[in-house]
Amino acid sequence: MKKYFTIFSIILLLSFNINIITVHAETKTFTQGIYNVRDSGLLAGTSYTVQNTSPTNKSLLIIFDNNQLMQELIRLEPNSPKYTLKPFQYDYFIVVIGDAKLVLS
C-alpha cells in the first residue's frame, strides 16, 4: 500500500509542476517596399493577420507568388481592423504601397 501511495504522490506532484507556455507570433512591421517571405523571417504555411496602425495614412498590401500571379490584395484604411491572410509560401513576395505601417502577427 505504501508503494502505491508513493507512486501516486509522485505522479500528482509531477502533474502540478507542468508549466503551460503560451506562444504568441512575433509581430513584424512593414513600411512601403517589396519583401520576400523567406528573407523577412515569416513562416511558410502559417496564417497571419495584418493591420494598418497608422492613424492617418492608407495602405495597399499585395501578395504575389513565384509566378508573379497576385494571390491577395487588401486596401487598408487608417487604424484598420485585423484581416486574416492566406498562408504564405517561401517564394511569395509582399508589396506594401503607401506611407502606413503594417503590422503582421
Protein backbone atom coordinates (compact mmCIF):
# COMPACT_ATOMS: atom_id res chain seq x y z
CA MET A 1 0.00 0.00 0.00
CA LYS A 2 2.86 2.34 0.80
CA LYS A 3 4.32 1.69 -2.66
CA TYR A 4 1.09 2.73 -4.39
CA PHE A 5 0.80 5.83 -2.26
CA THR A 6 4.38 6.85 -3.14
CA ILE A 7 3.80 6.35 -6.88
CA PHE A 8 0.51 8.25 -6.73
CA SER A 9 2.19 11.11 -4.83
CA ILE A 10 4.98 11.38 -7.42
CA ILE A 11 2.53 11.41 -10.33
CA LEU A 12 0.40 14.01 -8.58
CA LEU A 13 3.45 16.16 -7.84
CA LEU A 14 4.63 15.99 -11.46
CA SER A 15 1.21 16.87 -12.83
CA PHE A 16 1.08 20.07 -10.75
CA ASN A 17 4.57 21.14 -11.83
CA ILE A 18 3.89 21.11 -15.57
CA ASN A 19 4.01 24.67 -16.87
CA ILE A 20 1.85 25.68 -19.77
CA ILE A 21 3.68 28.01 -22.12
CA THR A 22 1.60 30.27 -24.32
CA VAL A 23 3.07 31.04 -27.70
CA HIS A 24 2.47 34.32 -29.48
CA ALA A 25 3.55 35.08 -33.00
CA GLU A 26 6.27 37.67 -33.26
CA THR A 27 4.90 40.81 -34.83
CA LYS A 28 6.62 42.23 -37.89
CA THR A 29 6.21 45.83 -39.00
CA PHE A 30 6.36 46.63 -42.72
CA THR A 31 6.56 50.01 -44.40
CA GLN A 32 6.45 50.80 -48.10
CA GLY A 33 8.55 48.34 -50.10
CA ILE A 34 8.89 44.85 -51.57
CA TYR A 35 9.60 41.97 -49.19
CA ASN A 36 10.41 38.31 -49.71
CA VAL A 37 8.69 35.97 -47.24
CA ARG A 38 11.86 33.94 -46.69
CA ASP A 39 14.08 36.99 -46.08
CA SER A 40 11.59 38.78 -43.83
CA GLY A 41 11.51 35.94 -41.30
CA LEU A 42 7.89 34.93 -41.82
CA LEU A 43 6.96 31.26 -41.57
CA ALA A 44 5.56 29.43 -44.58
CA GLY A 45 2.24 27.68 -44.12
CA THR A 46 1.20 29.97 -41.27
CA SER A 47 -1.81 32.26 -41.35
CA TYR A 48 -1.01 35.83 -40.36
CA THR A 49 -3.18 38.81 -39.58
CA VAL A 50 -2.42 42.26 -40.95
CA GLN A 51 -3.41 45.64 -39.53
CA ASN A 52 -2.71 49.23 -40.51
CA THR A 53 -1.59 51.01 -37.34
CA SER A 54 -1.14 54.43 -38.94
CA PRO A 55 -3.74 56.97 -37.72
CA THR A 56 -3.85 58.95 -40.98
CA ASN A 57 -2.33 57.02 -43.91
CA LYS A 58 -3.94 54.39 -46.13
CA SER A 59 -2.02 51.43 -47.47
CA LEU A 60 -2.28 48.71 -50.08
CA LEU A 61 -0.96 45.18 -49.46
CA ILE A 62 -0.37 42.92 -52.46
CA ILE A 63 0.94 39.36 -52.25
CA PHE A 64 2.49 37.68 -55.31
CA ASP A 65 3.61 34.09 -55.79
CA ASN A 66 6.79 32.98 -57.61
CA ASN A 67 4.95 33.07 -60.98
CA GLN A 68 4.15 36.76 -60.41
CA LEU A 69 0.46 35.96 -60.00
CA MET A 70 -1.41 38.07 -57.48
CA GLN A 71 -2.62 35.93 -54.58
CA GLU A 72 -4.12 38.64 -52.39
CA LEU A 73 -4.82 42.37 -52.49
CA ILE A 74 -6.06 44.28 -49.45
CA ARG A 75 -6.66 48.01 -49.12
CA LEU A 76 -6.12 49.02 -45.51
CA GLU A 77 -7.70 52.17 -44.13
CA PRO A 78 -6.10 54.09 -41.22
CA ASN A 79 -6.39 52.20 -37.91
CA SER A 80 -7.94 49.26 -39.73
CA PRO A 81 -9.18 46.12 -38.02
CA LYS A 82 -7.12 42.94 -38.32
CA TYR A 83 -7.52 40.95 -41.53
CA THR A 84 -6.54 37.29 -41.79
CA LEU A 85 -4.25 36.43 -44.69
CA LYS A 86 -3.91 33.14 -46.53
CA PRO A 87 -0.88 31.05 -45.51
CA PHE A 88 2.32 32.12 -47.27
CA GLN A 89 4.83 30.03 -49.21
CA TYR A 90 8.56 30.77 -49.00
CA ASP A 91 8.70 32.08 -52.56
CA TYR A 92 5.94 34.68 -52.11
CA PHE A 93 6.59 38.42 -52.32
CA ILE A 94 4.83 41.05 -50.23
CA VAL A 95 4.37 44.51 -51.72
CA VAL A 96 3.35 47.40 -49.46
CA ILE A 97 2.28 50.65 -51.12
CA GLY A 98 1.63 53.75 -49.04
CA ASP A 99 3.16 55.59 -46.09
CA ALA A 100 1.43 53.48 -43.45
CA LYS A 101 2.95 50.95 -41.07
CA LEU A 102 1.50 47.47 -41.44
CA VAL A 103 1.80 45.01 -38.57
CA LEU A 104 1.76 41.29 -39.34
CA SER A 105 1.17 38.98 -36.39
